[in-house]
Amino acid sequence: MSDTHMIGLYATFVFMIILAVFPYFVIKYVKKRGRDRITKE
């Protein structure tokens, strides 16, 4: 019982980290794509 509870807490913790970090990577990727498009033109 304690194990499943710990797994749930760990999954929530990992999910929160992904939510926190994901926007940073999206912004970085979009900026890189935008810069590449400008350079090509």
PDB file of N, CA and C in Angstrom:
ATOM      1  N   MET A   1       0.844  -1.200   0.000  1.00  0.00           N
ATOM      2  CA  MET A   1       0.000   0.000   0.000  1.00  0.00           C
ATOM      3  C   MET A   1       0.877   1.248   0.000  1.00  0.00           C
ATOM      4  N   SER A   2       1.899   1.226   0.815  1.00  0.00           N
ATOM      5  CA  SER A   2       2.821   2.367   0.893  1.00  0.00           C
ATOM      6  C   SER A   2       3.570   2.539  -0.431  1.00  0.00           C
ATOM      7  N   ASP A   3       3.876   1.429  -1.099  1.00  0.00           N
ATOM      8  CA  ASP A   3       4.622   1.496  -2.363  1.00  0.00           C
ATOM      9  C   ASP A   3       3.816   2.222  -3.441  1.00  0.00           C
ATOM     10  N   THR A   4       2.545   1.874  -3.580  1.00  0.00           N
ATOM     11  CA  THR A   4       1.718   2.506  -4.606  1.00  0.00           C
ATOM     12  C   THR A   4       1.572   3.990  -4.318  1.00  0.00           C
ATOM     13  N   HIS A   5       1.495   4.346  -3.049  1.00  0.00           N
ATOM     14  CA  HIS A   5       1.379   5.755  -2.669  1.00  0.00           C
ATOM     15  C   HIS A   5       2.647   6.510  -3.066  1.00  0.00           C
ATOM     16  N   MET A   6       3.798   5.910  -2.836  1.00  0.00           N
ATOM     17  CA  MET A   6       5.075   6.543  -3.190  1.00  0.00           C
ATOM     18  C   MET A   6       5.189   6.682  -4.709  1.00  0.00           C
ATOM     19  N   ILE A   7       4.745   5.667  -5.438  1.00  0.00           N
ATOM     20  CA  ILE A   7       4.793   5.727  -6.906  1.00  0.00           C
ATOM     21  C   ILE A   7       3.908   6.870  -7.399  1.00  0.00           C
ATOM     22  N   GLY A   8       2.742   7.039  -6.772  1.00  0.00           N
ATOM     23  CA  GLY A   8       1.842   8.129  -7.142  1.00  0.00           C
ATOM     24  C   GLY A   8       2.480   9.478  -6.888  1.00  0.00           C
ATOM     25  N   LEU A   9       3.128   9.632  -5.742  1.00  0.00           N
ATOM     26  CA  LEU A   9       3.800  10.897  -5.415  1.00  0.00           C
ATOM     27  C   LEU A   9       4.929  11.166  -6.406  1.00  0.00           C
ATOM     28  N   TYR A  10       5.695  10.134  -6.728  1.00  0.00           N
ATOM     29  CA  TYR A  10       6.823  10.276  -7.652  1.00  0.00           C
ATOM     30  C   TYR A  10       6.334  10.660  -9.049  1.00  0.00           C
ATOM     31  N   ALA A  11       5.246  10.010  -9.492  1.00  0.00           N
ATOM     32  CA  ALA A  11       4.690  10.316 -10.811  1.00  0.00           C
ATOM     33  C   ALA A  11       4.214  11.766 -10.862  1.00  0.00           C
ATOM     34  N   THR A  12       3.571  12.219  -9.785  1.00  0.00           N
ATOM     35  CA  THR A  12       3.099  13.609  -9.730  1.00  0.00           C
ATOM     36  C   THR A  12       4.279  14.566  -9.768  1.00  0.00           C
ATOM     37  N   PHE A  13       5.346  14.237  -9.035  1.00  0.00           N
ATOM     38  CA  PHE A  13       6.548  15.071  -8.984  1.00  0.00           C
ATOM     39  C   PHE A  13       7.179  15.195 -10.366  1.00  0.00           C
ATOM     40  N   VAL A  14       7.321  14.069 -11.062  1.00  0.00           N
ATOM     41  CA  VAL A  14       7.899  14.062 -12.413  1.00  0.00           C
ATOM     42  C   VAL A  14       7.012  14.865 -13.362  1.00  0.00           C
ATOM     43  N   PHE A  15       5.687  14.694 -13.228  1.00  0.00           N
ATOM     44  CA  PHE A  15       4.743  15.408 -14.086  1.00  0.00           C
ATOM     45  C   PHE A  15       4.871  16.913 -13.895  1.00  0.00           C
ATOM     46  N   MET A  16       5.033  17.357 -12.646  1.00  0.00           N
ATOM     47  CA  MET A  16       5.183  18.783 -12.352  1.00  0.00           C
ATOM     48  C   MET A  16       6.462  19.324 -12.984  1.00  0.00           C
ATOM     49  N   ILE A  17       7.546  18.551 -12.920  1.00  0.00           N
ATOM     50  CA  ILE A  17       8.822  18.983 -13.510  1.00  0.00           C
ATOM     51  C   ILE A  17       8.663  19.118 -15.027  1.00  0.00           C
ATOM     52  N   ILE A  18       8.009  18.139 -15.645  1.00  0.00           N
ATOM     53  CA  ILE A  18       7.804  18.188 -17.097  1.00  0.00           C
ATOM     54  C   ILE A  18       6.990  19.425 -17.464  1.00  0.00           C
ATOM     55  N   LEU A  19       5.926  19.702 -16.691  1.00  0.00           N
ATOM     56  CA  LEU A  19       5.100  20.884 -16.963  1.00  0.00           C
ATOM     57  C   LEU A  19       5.913  22.163 -16.824  1.00  0.00           C
ATOM     58  N   ALA A  20       6.848  22.175 -15.866  1.00  0.00           N
ATOM     59  CA  ALA A  20       7.647  23.380 -15.618  1.00  0.00           C
ATOM     60  C   ALA A  20       8.698  23.580 -16.716  1.00  0.00           C
ATOM     61  N   VAL A  21       9.274  22.495 -17.210  1.00  0.00           N
ATOM     62  CA  VAL A  21      10.392  22.576 -18.161  1.00  0.00           C
ATOM     63  C   VAL A  21       9.913  22.636 -19.614  1.00  0.00           C
ATOM     64  N   PHE A  22       8.770  22.011 -19.915  1.00  0.00           N
ATOM     65  CA  PHE A  22       8.284  21.908 -21.292  1.00  0.00           C
ATOM     66  C   PHE A  22       8.163  23.257 -22.002  1.00  0.00           C
ATOM     67  N   PRO A  23       7.541  24.276 -21.394  1.00  0.00           N
ATOM     68  CA  PRO A  23       7.417  25.572 -22.081  1.00  0.00           C
ATOM     69  C   PRO A  23       8.768  26.171 -22.457  1.00  0.00           C
ATOM     70  N   TYR A  24       9.787  25.967 -21.612  1.00  0.00           N
ATOM     71  CA  TYR A  24      11.127  26.492 -21.893  1.00  0.00           C
ATOM     72  C   TYR A  24      11.676  25.896 -23.191  1.00  0.00           C
ATOM     73  N   PHE A  25      11.507  24.578 -23.353  1.00  0.00           N
ATOM     74  CA  PHE A  25      12.008  23.926 -24.562  1.00  0.00           C
ATOM     75  C   PHE A  25      11.203  24.352 -25.783  1.00  0.00           C
ATOM     76  N   VAL A  26       9.889  24.535 -25.619  1.00  0.00           N
ATOM     77  CA  VAL A  26       9.044  24.965 -26.741  1.00  0.00           C
ATOM     78  C   VAL A  26       9.479  26.348 -27.218  1.00  0.00           C
ATOM     79  N   ILE A  27       9.684  27.280 -26.282  1.00  0.00           N
ATOM     80  CA  ILE A  27      10.102  28.645 -26.634  1.00  0.00           C
ATOM     81  C   ILE A  27      11.459  28.606 -27.341  1.00  0.00           C
ATOM     82  N   LYS A  28      12.385  27.814 -26.788  1.00  0.00           N
ATOM     83  CA  LYS A  28      13.726  27.702 -27.368  1.00  0.00           C
ATOM     84  C   LYS A  28      13.634  27.160 -28.799  1.00  0.00           C
ATOM     85  N   TYR A  29      12.786  26.126 -28.994  1.00  0.00           N
ATOM     86  CA  TYR A  29      12.633  25.498 -30.306  1.00  0.00           C
ATOM     87  C   TYR A  29      12.008  26.467 -31.304  1.00  0.00           C
ATOM     88  N   VAL A  30      10.974  27.186 -30.868  1.00  0.00           N
ATOM     89  CA  VAL A  30      10.287  28.133 -31.758  1.00  0.00           C
ATOM     90  C   VAL A  30      11.233  29.259 -32.165  1.00  0.00           C
ATOM     91  N   LYS A  31      12.023  29.764 -31.211  1.00  0.00           N
ATOM     92  CA  LYS A  31      12.974  30.837 -31.528  1.00  0.00           C
ATOM     93  C   LYS A  31      14.006  30.346 -32.538  1.00  0.00           C
ATOM     94  N   LYS A  32      14.488  29.112 -32.354  1.00  0.00           N
ATOM     95  CA  LYS A  32      15.477  28.551 -33.266  1.00  0.00           C
ATOM     96  C   LYS A  32      14.874  28.408 -34.664  1.00  0.00           C
ATOM     97  N   ARG A  33      13.645  27.903 -34.753  1.00  0.00           N
ATOM     98  CA  ARG A  33      12.972  27.747 -36.048  1.00  0.00           C
ATOM     99  C   ARG A  33      12.785  29.104 -36.709  1.00  0.00           C
ATOM    100  N   GLY A  34      12.359  30.100 -35.926  1.00  0.00           N
ATOM    101  CA  GLY A  34      12.142  31.442 -36.455  1.00  0.00           C
ATOM    102  C   GLY A  34      13.433  32.029 -36.999  1.00  0.00           C
ATOM    103  N   ARG A  35      14.534  31.837 -36.267  1.00  0.00           N
ATOM    104  CA  ARG A  35      15.829  32.369 -36.695  1.00  0.00           C
ATOM    105  C   ARG A  35      16.268  31.674 -37.984  1.00  0.00           C
ATOM    106  N   ASP A  36      16.052  30.363 -38.082  1.00  0.00           N
ATOM    107  CA  ASP A  36      16.428  29.630 -39.297  1.00  0.00           C
ATOM    108  C   ASP A  36      15.631  30.135 -40.493  1.00  0.00           C
ATOM    109  N   ARG A  37      14.345  30.397 -40.289  1.00  0.00           N
ATOM    110  CA  ARG A  37      13.483  30.857 -41.374  1.00  0.00           C
ATOM    111  C   ARG A  37      13.948  32.224 -41.864  1.00  0.00           C
ATOM    112  N   ILE A  38      14.300  33.103 -40.922  1.00  0.00           N
ATOM    113  CA  ILE A  38      14.766  34.448 -41.277  1.00  0.00           C
ATOM    114  C   ILE A  38      16.090  34.350 -42.053  1.00  0.00           C
ATOM    115  N   THR A  39      16.981  33.463 -41.611  1.00  0.00           N
ATOM    116  CA  THR A  39      18.282  33.307 -42.260  1.00  0.00           C
ATOM    117  C   THR A  39      18.103  32.800 -43.695  1.00  0.00           C
ATOM    118  N   LYS A  40      17.171  31.866 -43.903  1.00  0.00           N
ATOM    119  CA  LYS A  40      16.953  31.314 -45.242  1.00  0.00           C
ATOM    120  C   LYS A  40      16.439  32.397 -46.183  1.00  0.00           C
ATOM    121  N   GLU A  41      15.546  33.252 -45.697  1.00  0.00           N
ATOM    122  CA  GLU A  41      15.017  34.326 -46.544  1.00  0.00           C
ATOM    123  C   GLU A  41      16.082  35.405 -46.699  1.00  0.00           C
TER     124      GLU A  41
END
